[in-house]
Amino acid sequence: MKKNFLSEIKVENSLYVYNEYSLEKDSSFLEENVTFFLYDGYAPTKVIPPSLPLKDSFFNAPLYGETEKGEIEKIDSDSKSNKQKEYKKTAAYLVSKKAVTTWSSENMLEHYFPSEQITKEYDLSSFGKTLYTELAKWNFSSFQELVNFCDIWGLPTGVNASEFSVTVNDVNVLWMSLDEFYRKLDDYQKTFSIFKSLHTNDFSKLAISLSNGIKPIRENARLTLIEKIAEKNIFSYKLTTNNNTVTPISIFRDLFEAAYFFLTLSIYGNAEMRTCENCGHLFEVTHKRQRFCAVLPGRKRSSCEMAYNNRLKKEKRVKKGEI
């Protein structure tokens, strides 16, 4: 990858993943008796008092429903057809259960000293190059698929712990509006589709219309991608002085900001991209022999590589008549 001023930015962000997430239909989980515990592994590092006007920083999000086929759609409150429709599941928010919790004198000790670690943590400098392609790869067609993604990466956007305390260089999202998520996801995946088309030289599946239509399609796509990236607040940064030197350090509010940063770094650094031999999606090459999507946080091997090898083993057994 070609070096430029973006590659000089020091990425020190930690991202928190909770062990359990719950779907909520409304904001009733934000009642006055709710106390927020911001955990650092086993124990809380800060307790936010219930007197904080939490609802002032919150809004009632539109409801989403999952059909019997496992497909998610937005429920339009003005639509008669949607009112009559029955959904397998409905939700407006996805919540980190252990971060947003009620407590009383009976269960206070359990929350202060939980018996097991309730958060995992990963370093964005190690997984940022994987995040920006994975966020474009998933289709989130069901609630379970969204929860599965959050089990690996944490909540992609929403209310961050830093909004209730001093600004920290971490992404620790406590709860997420599904409406906010799907709007940001749609925008990001459309932008990524231009990036992918430029690398695969296939412009037939673009999910976004191109500007400057009089130019050749490749140049048109490149200009549109640059315009889209320029619209984003890719990152903010703080300056720290160390031995009389100034170092820019990235600060991201959610996974989308981080993804846009690493996507931009890839564009202007001319990163090498390949197509995964298992899933067919684009990934950034981190070592010369790489053939599959990269290893995910908390995993030891590439999920795509394991799936590919398992499929080959099954095909061999079928040929031998063992299956």
C-alpha atoms as a PDB file:
ATOM      1  CA  MET A   1       0.000   0.000   0.000  1.00  0.00           C
ATOM      2  CA  LYS A   2       1.239   3.453  -0.942  1.00  0.00           C
ATOM      3  CA  LYS A   3       1.901   5.687   2.065  1.00  0.00           C
ATOM      4  CA  ASN A   4       0.230   9.092   2.439  1.00  0.00           C
ATOM      5  CA  PHE A   5      -0.834  11.429   5.239  1.00  0.00           C
ATOM      6  CA  LEU A   6      -3.776   9.165   6.167  1.00  0.00           C
ATOM      7  CA  SER A   7      -1.473   6.209   6.775  1.00  0.00           C
ATOM      8  CA  GLU A   8       0.455   8.300   9.301  1.00  0.00           C
ATOM      9  CA  ILE A   9      -2.596   8.606  11.573  1.00  0.00           C
ATOM     10  CA  LYS A  10      -2.236   6.444  14.644  1.00  0.00           C
ATOM     11  CA  VAL A  11      -5.243   4.154  15.153  1.00  0.00           C
ATOM     12  CA  GLU A  12      -5.577   3.255  18.833  1.00  0.00           C
ATOM     13  CA  ASN A  13      -9.313   2.662  19.089  1.00  0.00           C
ATOM     14  CA  SER A  14     -10.626  -0.247  21.127  1.00  0.00           C
ATOM     15  CA  LEU A  15     -14.053  -1.620  20.280  1.00  0.00           C
ATOM     16  CA  TYR A  16     -16.291  -3.324  22.843  1.00  0.00           C
ATOM     17  CA  VAL A  17     -18.464  -6.343  22.164  1.00  0.00           C
ATOM     18  CA  TYR A  18     -21.044  -7.409  24.762  1.00  0.00           C
ATOM     19  CA  ASN A  19     -21.924 -11.028  25.330  1.00  0.00           C
ATOM     20  CA  GLU A  20     -25.633 -10.518  24.843  1.00  0.00           C
ATOM     21  CA  TYR A  21     -27.905  -8.251  22.814  1.00  0.00           C
ATOM     22  CA  SER A  22     -31.679  -7.919  22.947  1.00  0.00           C
ATOM     23  CA  LEU A  23     -34.240  -6.587  20.474  1.00  0.00           C
ATOM     24  CA  GLU A  24     -36.606  -3.968  21.933  1.00  0.00           C
ATOM     25  CA  LYS A  25     -39.872  -2.707  20.448  1.00  0.00           C
ATOM     26  CA  ASP A  26     -39.738   0.725  22.073  1.00  0.00           C
ATOM     27  CA  SER A  27     -37.722   2.904  24.438  1.00  0.00           C
ATOM     28  CA  SER A  28     -39.297   1.449  27.590  1.00  0.00           C
ATOM     29  CA  PHE A  29     -35.871   0.118  28.587  1.00  0.00           C
ATOM     30  CA  LEU A  30     -34.962   3.754  29.288  1.00  0.00           C
ATOM     31  CA  GLU A  31     -37.167   4.175  32.353  1.00  0.00           C
ATOM     32  CA  GLU A  32     -36.093   6.358  35.282  1.00  0.00           C
ATOM     33  CA  ASN A  33     -34.965   3.363  37.327  1.00  0.00           C
ATOM     34  CA  VAL A  34     -32.439   2.334  34.678  1.00  0.00           C
ATOM     35  CA  THR A  35     -28.799   2.687  35.634  1.00  0.00           C
ATOM     36  CA  PHE A  36     -25.990   2.381  33.114  1.00  0.00           C
ATOM     37  CA  PHE A  37     -22.942   0.338  33.991  1.00  0.00           C
ATOM     38  CA  LEU A  38     -19.993   0.767  31.681  1.00  0.00           C
ATOM     39  CA  TYR A  39     -18.022  -2.422  32.124  1.00  0.00           C
ATOM     40  CA  ASP A  40     -14.357  -2.950  31.550  1.00  0.00           C
ATOM     41  CA  GLY A  41     -14.343  -6.719  31.344  1.00  0.00           C
ATOM     42  CA  TYR A  42     -15.638  -8.004  34.676  1.00  0.00           C
ATOM     43  CA  ALA A  43     -16.466  -4.866  36.631  1.00  0.00           C
ATOM     44  CA  PRO A  44     -17.992  -1.431  35.945  1.00  0.00           C
ATOM     45  CA  THR A  45     -15.666   1.507  35.519  1.00  0.00           C
ATOM     46  CA  LYS A  46     -18.410   4.097  35.851  1.00  0.00           C
ATOM     47  CA  VAL A  47     -22.007   4.226  37.061  1.00  0.00           C
ATOM     48  CA  ILE A  48     -24.249   6.778  35.373  1.00  0.00           C
ATOM     49  CA  PRO A  49     -26.949   8.017  37.777  1.00  0.00           C
ATOM     50  CA  PRO A  50     -30.577   7.314  36.859  1.00  0.00           C
ATOM     51  CA  SER A  51     -31.343  11.023  37.277  1.00  0.00           C
ATOM     52  CA  LEU A  52     -29.576  11.766  33.973  1.00  0.00           C
ATOM     53  CA  PRO A  53     -32.176  12.903  31.382  1.00  0.00           C
ATOM     54  CA  LEU A  54     -31.496   9.971  29.077  1.00  0.00           C
ATOM     55  CA  LYS A  55     -34.548  10.456  26.901  1.00  0.00           C
ATOM     56  CA  ASP A  56     -33.342  13.925  25.923  1.00  0.00           C
ATOM     57  CA  SER A  57     -30.602  12.235  23.889  1.00  0.00           C
ATOM     58  CA  PHE A  58     -32.913   9.581  22.481  1.00  0.00           C
ATOM     59  CA  PHE A  59     -35.756   9.366  19.980  1.00  0.00           C
ATOM     60  CA  ASN A  60     -38.555   6.913  19.315  1.00  0.00           C
ATOM     61  CA  ALA A  61     -37.359   4.930  16.327  1.00  0.00           C
ATOM     62  CA  PRO A  62     -39.627   3.407  13.659  1.00  0.00           C
ATOM     63  CA  LEU A  63     -40.538  -0.243  14.089  1.00  0.00           C
ATOM     64  CA  TYR A  64     -39.101  -3.038  11.943  1.00  0.00           C
ATOM     65  CA  GLY A  65     -40.648  -6.461  11.441  1.00  0.00           C
ATOM     66  CA  GLU A  66     -39.267  -9.860  10.487  1.00  0.00           C
ATOM     67  CA  THR A  67     -41.595 -11.888   8.285  1.00  0.00           C
ATOM     68  CA  GLU A  68     -42.150 -15.625   8.440  1.00  0.00           C
ATOM     69  CA  LYS A  69     -39.556 -15.937   5.658  1.00  0.00           C
ATOM     70  CA  GLY A  70     -37.001 -14.230   7.899  1.00  0.00           C
ATOM     71  CA  GLU A  71     -36.910 -10.999   5.906  1.00  0.00           C
ATOM     72  CA  ILE A  72     -36.829  -7.604   7.623  1.00  0.00           C
ATOM     73  CA  GLU A  73     -38.971  -4.715   6.473  1.00  0.00           C
ATOM     74  CA  LYS A  74     -39.853  -1.333   7.913  1.00  0.00           C
ATOM     75  CA  ILE A  75     -43.362  -1.153   9.356  1.00  0.00           C
ATOM     76  CA  ASP A  76     -45.148   1.907   8.036  1.00  0.00           C
ATOM     77  CA  SER A  77     -47.557   3.144  10.695  1.00  0.00           C
ATOM     78  CA  ASP A  78     -49.788   4.712   8.021  1.00  0.00           C
ATOM     79  CA  SER A  79     -50.077   1.579   5.935  1.00  0.00           C
ATOM     80  CA  LYS A  80     -53.216  -0.522   6.394  1.00  0.00           C
ATOM     81  CA  SER A  81     -51.498  -3.553   4.891  1.00  0.00           C
ATOM     82  CA  ASN A  82     -48.682  -3.385   7.443  1.00  0.00           C
ATOM     83  CA  LYS A  83     -51.125  -2.996  10.317  1.00  0.00           C
ATOM     84  CA  GLN A  84     -52.880  -6.181   9.249  1.00  0.00           C
ATOM     85  CA  LYS A  85     -49.652  -8.070   8.652  1.00  0.00           C
ATOM     86  CA  GLU A  86     -48.333 -10.459  11.297  1.00  0.00           C
ATOM     87  CA  TYR A  87     -44.623 -10.480  11.993  1.00  0.00           C
ATOM     88  CA  LYS A  88     -42.507 -13.189  13.580  1.00  0.00           C
ATOM     89  CA  LYS A  89     -40.534 -10.494  15.425  1.00  0.00           C
ATOM     90  CA  THR A  90     -40.778  -6.711  15.727  1.00  0.00           C
ATOM     91  CA  ALA A  91     -38.145  -4.326  17.063  1.00  0.00           C
ATOM     92  CA  ALA A  92     -36.995  -0.710  16.955  1.00  0.00           C
ATOM     93  CA  TYR A  93     -33.729  -1.046  18.890  1.00  0.00           C
ATOM     94  CA  LEU A  94     -30.893  -3.457  19.517  1.00  0.00           C
ATOM     95  CA  VAL A  95     -29.571  -3.129  23.071  1.00  0.00           C
ATOM     96  CA  SER A  96     -26.448  -4.319  24.899  1.00  0.00           C
ATOM     97  CA  LYS A  97     -28.290  -6.050  27.724  1.00  0.00           C
ATOM     98  CA  LYS A  98     -25.543  -5.873  30.337  1.00  0.00           C
ATOM     99  CA  ALA A  99     -24.822  -2.217  29.601  1.00  0.00           C
ATOM    100  CA  VAL A 100     -28.426  -1.122  30.092  1.00  0.00           C
ATOM    101  CA  THR A 101     -29.915  -2.738  33.145  1.00  0.00           C
ATOM    102  CA  THR A 102     -32.162  -2.161  36.135  1.00  0.00           C
ATOM    103  CA  TRP A 103     -30.921  -3.040  39.579  1.00  0.00           C
ATOM    104  CA  SER A 104     -32.043  -3.174  43.177  1.00  0.00           C
ATOM    105  CA  SER A 105     -30.357  -3.893  46.493  1.00  0.00           C
ATOM    106  CA  GLU A 106     -31.054  -7.591  45.898  1.00  0.00           C
ATOM    107  CA  ASN A 107     -29.083  -7.907  42.679  1.00  0.00           C
ATOM    108  CA  MET A 108     -26.650  -4.987  43.009  1.00  0.00           C
ATOM    109  CA  LEU A 109     -23.683  -7.220  43.896  1.00  0.00           C
ATOM    110  CA  GLU A 110     -24.319  -9.360  40.828  1.00  0.00           C
ATOM    111  CA  HIS A 111     -23.975  -6.296  38.590  1.00  0.00           C
ATOM    112  CA  TYR A 112     -20.977  -4.872  40.408  1.00  0.00           C
ATOM    113  CA  PHE A 113     -19.179  -8.207  40.491  1.00  0.00           C
ATOM    114  CA  PRO A 114     -20.531 -10.383  37.657  1.00  0.00           C
ATOM    115  CA  SER A 115     -19.462 -14.020  37.687  1.00  0.00           C
ATOM    116  CA  GLU A 116     -18.233 -13.916  34.100  1.00  0.00           C
ATOM    117  CA  GLN A 117     -16.690 -11.395  31.751  1.00  0.00           C
ATOM    118  CA  ILE A 118     -19.481  -9.631  29.888  1.00  0.00           C
ATOM    119  CA  THR A 119     -17.461  -7.737  27.296  1.00  0.00           C
ATOM    120  CA  LYS A 120     -14.789  -8.576  24.765  1.00  0.00           C
ATOM    121  CA  GLU A 121     -12.458  -6.045  23.232  1.00  0.00           C
ATOM    122  CA  TYR A 122     -10.579  -5.873  19.948  1.00  0.00           C
ATOM    123  CA  ASP A 123      -8.104  -3.422  18.473  1.00  0.00           C
ATOM    124  CA  LEU A 124      -9.185  -1.510  15.380  1.00  0.00           C
ATOM    125  CA  SER A 125      -5.602  -1.212  14.152  1.00  0.00           C
ATOM    126  CA  SER A 126      -5.608  -5.020  13.799  1.00  0.00           C
ATOM    127  CA  PHE A 127      -9.081  -5.462  12.298  1.00  0.00           C
ATOM    128  CA  GLY A 128      -9.912  -2.180  10.534  1.00  0.00           C
ATOM    129  CA  LYS A 129      -8.855  -3.523   7.134  1.00  0.00           C
ATOM    130  CA  THR A 130     -11.254  -6.420   7.655  1.00  0.00           C
ATOM    131  CA  LEU A 131     -14.129  -4.328   9.032  1.00  0.00           C
ATOM    132  CA  TYR A 132     -14.680  -2.113   5.994  1.00  0.00           C
ATOM    133  CA  THR A 133     -15.116  -5.050   3.622  1.00  0.00           C
ATOM    134  CA  GLU A 134     -17.160  -7.152   6.093  1.00  0.00           C
ATOM    135  CA  LEU A 135     -19.627  -4.310   6.707  1.00  0.00           C
ATOM    136  CA  ALA A 136     -20.289  -4.243   2.957  1.00  0.00           C
ATOM    137  CA  LYS A 137     -20.412  -8.033   2.696  1.00  0.00           C
ATOM    138  CA  TRP A 138     -23.223  -8.822   5.167  1.00  0.00           C
ATOM    139  CA  ASN A 139     -26.812  -8.358   3.939  1.00  0.00           C
ATOM    140  CA  PHE A 140     -28.491  -8.282   7.384  1.00  0.00           C
ATOM    141  CA  SER A 141     -31.654  -9.805   5.945  1.00  0.00           C
ATOM    142  CA  SER A 142     -32.782 -11.115   9.340  1.00  0.00           C
ATOM    143  CA  PHE A 143     -32.566  -9.987  12.956  1.00  0.00           C
ATOM    144  CA  GLN A 144     -30.469 -13.043  13.774  1.00  0.00           C
ATOM    145  CA  GLU A 145     -27.919 -12.124  11.119  1.00  0.00           C
ATOM    146  CA  LEU A 146     -27.646  -8.641  12.613  1.00  0.00           C
ATOM    147  CA  VAL A 147     -27.166 -10.095  16.108  1.00  0.00           C
ATOM    148  CA  ASN A 148     -24.544 -12.510  14.740  1.00  0.00           C
ATOM    149  CA  PHE A 149     -22.608  -9.567  13.307  1.00  0.00           C
ATOM    150  CA  CYS A 150     -22.827  -7.692  16.623  1.00  0.00           C
ATOM    151  CA  ASP A 151     -21.583 -10.777  18.483  1.00  0.00           C
ATOM    152  CA  ILE A 152     -18.372 -10.404  16.469  1.00  0.00           C
ATOM    153  CA  TRP A 153     -17.997  -6.657  15.964  1.00  0.00           C
ATOM    154  CA  GLY A 154     -20.268  -4.965  18.523  1.00  0.00           C
ATOM    155  CA  LEU A 155     -23.134  -2.578  17.719  1.00  0.00           C
ATOM    156  CA  PRO A 156     -22.277  -0.749  14.463  1.00  0.00           C
ATOM    157  CA  THR A 157     -23.789   2.602  15.472  1.00  0.00           C
ATOM    158  CA  GLY A 158     -25.989   4.196  18.121  1.00  0.00           C
ATOM    159  CA  VAL A 159     -25.498   5.750  21.548  1.00  0.00           C
ATOM    160  CA  ASN A 160     -21.863   5.534  22.603  1.00  0.00           C
ATOM    161  CA  ALA A 161     -20.692   5.332  26.216  1.00  0.00           C
ATOM    162  CA  SER A 162     -18.521   8.400  25.617  1.00  0.00           C
ATOM    163  CA  GLU A 163     -21.703  10.485  25.233  1.00  0.00           C
ATOM    164  CA  PHE A 164     -22.329  10.026  28.950  1.00  0.00           C
ATOM    165  CA  SER A 165     -18.797  10.604  30.197  1.00  0.00           C
ATOM    166  CA  VAL A 166     -15.530  12.221  29.200  1.00  0.00           C
ATOM    167  CA  THR A 167     -14.510  11.668  25.588  1.00  0.00           C
ATOM    168  CA  VAL A 168     -12.579   8.438  25.224  1.00  0.00           C
ATOM    169  CA  ASN A 169     -10.757   6.955  22.279  1.00  0.00           C
ATOM    170  CA  ASP A 170     -13.034   3.890  22.192  1.00  0.00           C
ATOM    171  CA  VAL A 171     -16.179   2.687  20.442  1.00  0.00           C
ATOM    172  CA  ASN A 172     -18.505   1.300  23.111  1.00  0.00           C
ATOM    173  CA  VAL A 173     -22.070   1.468  21.752  1.00  0.00           C
ATOM    174  CA  LEU A 174     -24.776   0.771  24.332  1.00  0.00           C
ATOM    175  CA  TRP A 175     -27.882   0.689  22.164  1.00  0.00           C
ATOM    176  CA  MET A 176     -28.751   1.175  18.504  1.00  0.00           C
ATOM    177  CA  SER A 177     -31.775   2.402  16.596  1.00  0.00           C
ATOM    178  CA  LEU A 178     -32.492  -0.070  13.796  1.00  0.00           C
ATOM    179  CA  ASP A 179     -33.689   2.774  11.586  1.00  0.00           C
ATOM    180  CA  GLU A 180     -30.409   4.642  12.001  1.00  0.00           C
ATOM    181  CA  PHE A 181     -28.472   1.450  11.292  1.00  0.00           C
ATOM    182  CA  TYR A 182     -30.302   0.511   8.089  1.00  0.00           C
ATOM    183  CA  ARG A 183     -30.065   4.054   6.705  1.00  0.00           C
ATOM    184  CA  LYS A 184     -26.300   4.174   7.352  1.00  0.00           C
ATOM    185  CA  LEU A 185     -25.843   0.631   6.034  1.00  0.00           C
ATOM    186  CA  ASP A 186     -27.647   1.403   2.785  1.00  0.00           C
ATOM    187  CA  ASP A 187     -25.506   4.506   2.231  1.00  0.00           C
ATOM    188  CA  TYR A 188     -22.265   2.668   3.034  1.00  0.00           C
ATOM    189  CA  GLN A 189     -22.994  -0.377   0.877  1.00  0.00           C
ATOM    190  CA  LYS A 190     -23.923   1.822  -2.094  1.00  0.00           C
ATOM    191  CA  THR A 191     -20.619   3.682  -1.721  1.00  0.00           C
ATOM    192  CA  PHE A 192     -18.723   0.390  -1.409  1.00  0.00           C
ATOM    193  CA  SER A 193     -20.436  -0.956  -4.541  1.00  0.00           C
ATOM    194  CA  ILE A 194     -18.651   1.758  -6.573  1.00  0.00           C
ATOM    195  CA  PHE A 195     -15.348   0.831  -4.952  1.00  0.00           C
ATOM    196  CA  LYS A 196     -15.958  -2.843  -5.779  1.00  0.00           C
ATOM    197  CA  SER A 197     -16.931  -2.112  -9.377  1.00  0.00           C
ATOM    198  CA  LEU A 198     -13.656  -0.246  -9.935  1.00  0.00           C
ATOM    199  CA  HIS A 199     -11.638  -3.210  -8.659  1.00  0.00           C
ATOM    200  CA  THR A 200     -13.589  -5.888 -10.522  1.00  0.00           C
ATOM    201  CA  ASN A 201     -14.185  -3.752 -13.626  1.00  0.00           C
ATOM    202  CA  ASP A 202     -17.849  -4.811 -13.465  1.00  0.00           C
ATOM    203  CA  PHE A 203     -20.226  -1.850 -13.454  1.00  0.00           C
ATOM    204  CA  SER A 204     -23.406  -3.820 -14.182  1.00  0.00           C
ATOM    205  CA  LYS A 205     -24.353  -4.319 -10.515  1.00  0.00           C
ATOM    206  CA  LEU A 206     -23.856  -0.792  -9.190  1.00  0.00           C
ATOM    207  CA  ALA A 207     -26.384   0.045  -6.477  1.00  0.00           C
ATOM    208  CA  ILE A 208     -26.074   3.792  -7.053  1.00  0.00           C
ATOM    209  CA  SER A 209     -26.458   6.166 -10.002  1.00  0.00           C
ATOM    210  CA  LEU A 210     -23.282   7.842 -11.222  1.00  0.00           C
ATOM    211  CA  SER A 211     -22.784  11.583 -11.604  1.00  0.00           C
ATOM    212  CA  ASN A 212     -21.079  13.263 -14.580  1.00  0.00           C
ATOM    213  CA  GLY A 213     -22.774  10.914 -17.044  1.00  0.00           C
ATOM    214  CA  ILE A 214     -20.992  12.257 -20.106  1.00  0.00           C
ATOM    215  CA  LYS A 215     -17.644  10.795 -19.003  1.00  0.00           C
ATOM    216  CA  PRO A 216     -16.567   7.163 -19.624  1.00  0.00           C
ATOM    217  CA  ILE A 217     -18.152   4.880 -17.027  1.00  0.00           C
ATOM    218  CA  ARG A 218     -14.915   4.020 -15.194  1.00  0.00           C
ATOM    219  CA  GLU A 219     -13.890   7.661 -14.805  1.00  0.00           C
ATOM    220  CA  ASN A 220     -17.482   8.481 -13.899  1.00  0.00           C
ATOM    221  CA  ALA A 221     -17.453   5.852 -11.130  1.00  0.00           C
ATOM    222  CA  ARG A 222     -14.096   7.036  -9.791  1.00  0.00           C
ATOM    223  CA  LEU A 223     -15.279  10.663  -9.562  1.00  0.00           C
ATOM    224  CA  THR A 224     -18.549   9.631  -7.907  1.00  0.00           C
ATOM    225  CA  LEU A 225     -16.652   7.560  -5.310  1.00  0.00           C
ATOM    226  CA  ILE A 226     -14.359  10.490  -4.493  1.00  0.00           C
ATOM    227  CA  GLU A 227     -17.406  12.756  -4.114  1.00  0.00           C
ATOM    228  CA  LYS A 228     -19.112  10.254  -1.791  1.00  0.00           C
ATOM    229  CA  ILE A 229     -16.020   9.868   0.392  1.00  0.00           C
ATOM    230  CA  ALA A 230     -15.547  13.637   0.543  1.00  0.00           C
ATOM    231  CA  GLU A 231     -19.083  14.006   1.947  1.00  0.00           C
ATOM    232  CA  LYS A 232     -18.239  11.879   4.981  1.00  0.00           C
ATOM    233  CA  ASN A 233     -16.762  13.017   8.246  1.00  0.00           C
ATOM    234  CA  ILE A 234     -14.325  10.129   8.019  1.00  0.00           C
ATOM    235  CA  PHE A 235     -12.646  10.719  11.345  1.00  0.00           C
ATOM    236  CA  SER A 236     -11.905  13.294  13.952  1.00  0.00           C
ATOM    237  CA  TYR A 237      -8.564  13.435  15.656  1.00  0.00           C
ATOM    238  CA  LYS A 238      -6.761  14.809  18.644  1.00  0.00           C
ATOM    239  CA  LEU A 239      -3.167  15.921  18.865  1.00  0.00           C
ATOM    240  CA  THR A 240      -0.916  14.546  21.557  1.00  0.00           C
ATOM    241  CA  THR A 241       2.517  15.881  22.341  1.00  0.00           C
ATOM    242  CA  ASN A 242       5.249  13.336  23.000  1.00  0.00           C
ATOM    243  CA  ASN A 243       8.871  14.438  23.179  1.00  0.00           C
ATOM    244  CA  ASN A 244       7.935  17.676  21.420  1.00  0.00           C
ATOM    245  CA  THR A 245       6.349  15.801  18.499  1.00  0.00           C
ATOM    246  CA  VAL A 246       2.716  16.003  17.480  1.00  0.00           C
ATOM    247  CA  THR A 247       0.868  12.788  16.623  1.00  0.00           C
ATOM    248  CA  PRO A 248      -2.651  12.694  15.134  1.00  0.00           C
ATOM    249  CA  ILE A 249      -4.792   9.951  16.696  1.00  0.00           C
ATOM    250  CA  SER A 250      -8.079   8.761  15.224  1.00  0.00           C
ATOM    251  CA  ILE A 251     -11.293   8.963  17.218  1.00  0.00           C
ATOM    252  CA  PHE A 252     -14.343   7.194  15.795  1.00  0.00           C
ATOM    253  CA  ARG A 253     -17.903   7.355  17.114  1.00  0.00           C
ATOM    254  CA  ASP A 254     -19.086   4.137  15.472  1.00  0.00           C
ATOM    255  CA  LEU A 255     -18.120   1.341  13.095  1.00  0.00           C
ATOM    256  CA  PHE A 256     -19.315   3.231  10.025  1.00  0.00           C
ATOM    257  CA  GLU A 257     -16.893   6.095  10.637  1.00  0.00           C
ATOM    258  CA  ALA A 258     -14.112   3.555  11.112  1.00  0.00           C
ATOM    259  CA  ALA A 259     -15.143   1.705   7.927  1.00  0.00           C
ATOM    260  CA  TYR A 260     -15.144   4.913   5.871  1.00  0.00           C
ATOM    261  CA  PHE A 261     -11.678   5.740   7.218  1.00  0.00           C
ATOM    262  CA  PHE A 262     -10.178   2.385   6.218  1.00  0.00           C
ATOM    263  CA  LEU A 263     -12.026   2.473   2.876  1.00  0.00           C
ATOM    264  CA  THR A 264     -10.494   5.906   2.202  1.00  0.00           C
ATOM    265  CA  LEU A 265      -7.077   4.639   3.275  1.00  0.00           C
ATOM    266  CA  SER A 266      -7.464   1.768   0.817  1.00  0.00           C
ATOM    267  CA  ILE A 267      -8.501   4.085  -2.040  1.00  0.00           C
ATOM    268  CA  TYR A 268      -5.707   6.609  -1.670  1.00  0.00           C
ATOM    269  CA  GLY A 269      -3.136   3.972  -0.707  1.00  0.00           C
ATOM    270  CA  ASN A 270      -3.946   1.814  -3.761  1.00  0.00           C
ATOM    271  CA  ALA A 271      -4.381  -1.254  -1.564  1.00  0.00           C
ATOM    272  CA  GLU A 272      -4.317  -4.641  -3.277  1.00  0.00           C
ATOM    273  CA  MET A 273      -7.784  -6.227  -3.360  1.00  0.00           C
ATOM    274  CA  ARG A 274      -8.786  -9.808  -4.213  1.00  0.00           C
ATOM    275  CA  THR A 275     -11.998 -11.790  -4.509  1.00  0.00           C
ATOM    276  CA  CYS A 276     -12.537 -14.471  -1.850  1.00  0.00           C
ATOM    277  CA  GLU A 277     -12.463 -18.003  -3.303  1.00  0.00           C
ATOM    278  CA  ASN A 278     -15.237 -19.041  -0.917  1.00  0.00           C
ATOM    279  CA  CYS A 279     -17.819 -16.248  -0.714  1.00  0.00           C
ATOM    280  CA  GLY A 280     -16.898 -14.199  -3.784  1.00  0.00           C
ATOM    281  CA  HIS A 281     -16.637 -10.920  -1.883  1.00  0.00           C
ATOM    282  CA  LEU A 282     -13.846  -8.388  -2.060  1.00  0.00           C
ATOM    283  CA  PHE A 283     -11.160  -8.289   0.652  1.00  0.00           C
ATOM    284  CA  GLU A 284      -7.960  -6.327   1.220  1.00  0.00           C
ATOM    285  CA  VAL A 285      -4.797  -8.394   0.894  1.00  0.00           C
ATOM    286  CA  THR A 286      -2.658  -8.448   4.043  1.00  0.00           C
ATOM    287  CA  HIS A 287      -0.248 -11.195   2.965  1.00  0.00           C
ATOM    288  CA  LYS A 288       0.784 -12.390  -0.506  1.00  0.00           C
ATOM    289  CA  ARG A 289      -0.676 -15.923  -0.328  1.00  0.00           C
ATOM    290  CA  GLN A 290      -4.088 -14.801   0.972  1.00  0.00           C
ATOM    291  CA  ARG A 291      -7.046 -16.363  -0.890  1.00  0.00           C
ATOM    292  CA  PHE A 292      -9.904 -15.837   1.542  1.00  0.00           C
ATOM    293  CA  CYS A 293     -11.529 -13.120   3.650  1.00  0.00           C
ATOM    294  CA  ALA A 294      -9.449 -12.231   6.712  1.00  0.00           C
ATOM    295  CA  VAL A 295      -9.777 -13.658  10.217  1.00  0.00           C
ATOM    296  CA  LEU A 296     -12.541 -12.012  12.273  1.00  0.00           C
ATOM    297  CA  PRO A 297     -12.146 -10.699  15.845  1.00  0.00           C
ATOM    298  CA  GLY A 298     -12.199 -13.538  18.365  1.00  0.00           C
ATOM    299  CA  ARG A 299     -11.436 -16.173  15.721  1.00  0.00           C
ATOM    300  CA  LYS A 300      -8.193 -18.043  15.038  1.00  0.00           C
ATOM    301  CA  ARG A 301      -8.808 -18.910  11.388  1.00  0.00           C
ATOM    302  CA  SER A 302     -10.649 -17.382   8.472  1.00  0.00           C
ATOM    303  CA  SER A 303     -14.306 -18.494   8.466  1.00  0.00           C
ATOM    304  CA  CYS A 304     -14.276 -18.477   4.655  1.00  0.00           C
ATOM    305  CA  GLU A 305     -11.151 -20.639   4.516  1.00  0.00           C
ATOM    306  CA  MET A 306     -12.688 -23.192   6.904  1.00  0.00           C
ATOM    307  CA  ALA A 307     -15.974 -23.243   4.956  1.00  0.00           C
ATOM    308  CA  TYR A 308     -14.071 -23.727   1.688  1.00  0.00           C
ATOM    309  CA  ASN A 309     -11.999 -26.606   3.075  1.00  0.00           C
ATOM    310  CA  ASN A 310     -15.049 -28.279   4.622  1.00  0.00           C
ATOM    311  CA  ARG A 311     -16.867 -28.060   1.289  1.00  0.00           C
ATOM    312  CA  LEU A 312     -13.942 -29.688  -0.520  1.00  0.00           C
ATOM    313  CA  LYS A 313     -13.824 -32.506   2.049  1.00  0.00           C
ATOM    314  CA  LYS A 314     -17.555 -33.102   1.614  1.00  0.00           C
ATOM    315  CA  GLU A 315     -17.257 -33.167  -2.181  1.00  0.00           C
ATOM    316  CA  LYS A 316     -14.460 -35.756  -1.956  1.00  0.00           C
ATOM    317  CA  ARG A 317     -16.573 -37.934   0.324  1.00  0.00           C
ATOM    318  CA  VAL A 318     -19.501 -37.688  -2.106  1.00  0.00           C
ATOM    319  CA  LYS A 319     -17.276 -38.814  -5.002  1.00  0.00           C
ATOM    320  CA  LYS A 320     -16.069 -41.775  -2.951  1.00  0.00           C
ATOM    321  CA  GLY A 321     -19.681 -42.688  -2.136  1.00  0.00           C
ATOM    322  CA  GLU A 322     -19.210 -42.167   1.592  1.00  0.00           C
ATOM    323  CA  ILE A 323     -22.191 -39.798   1.717  1.00  0.00           C
END
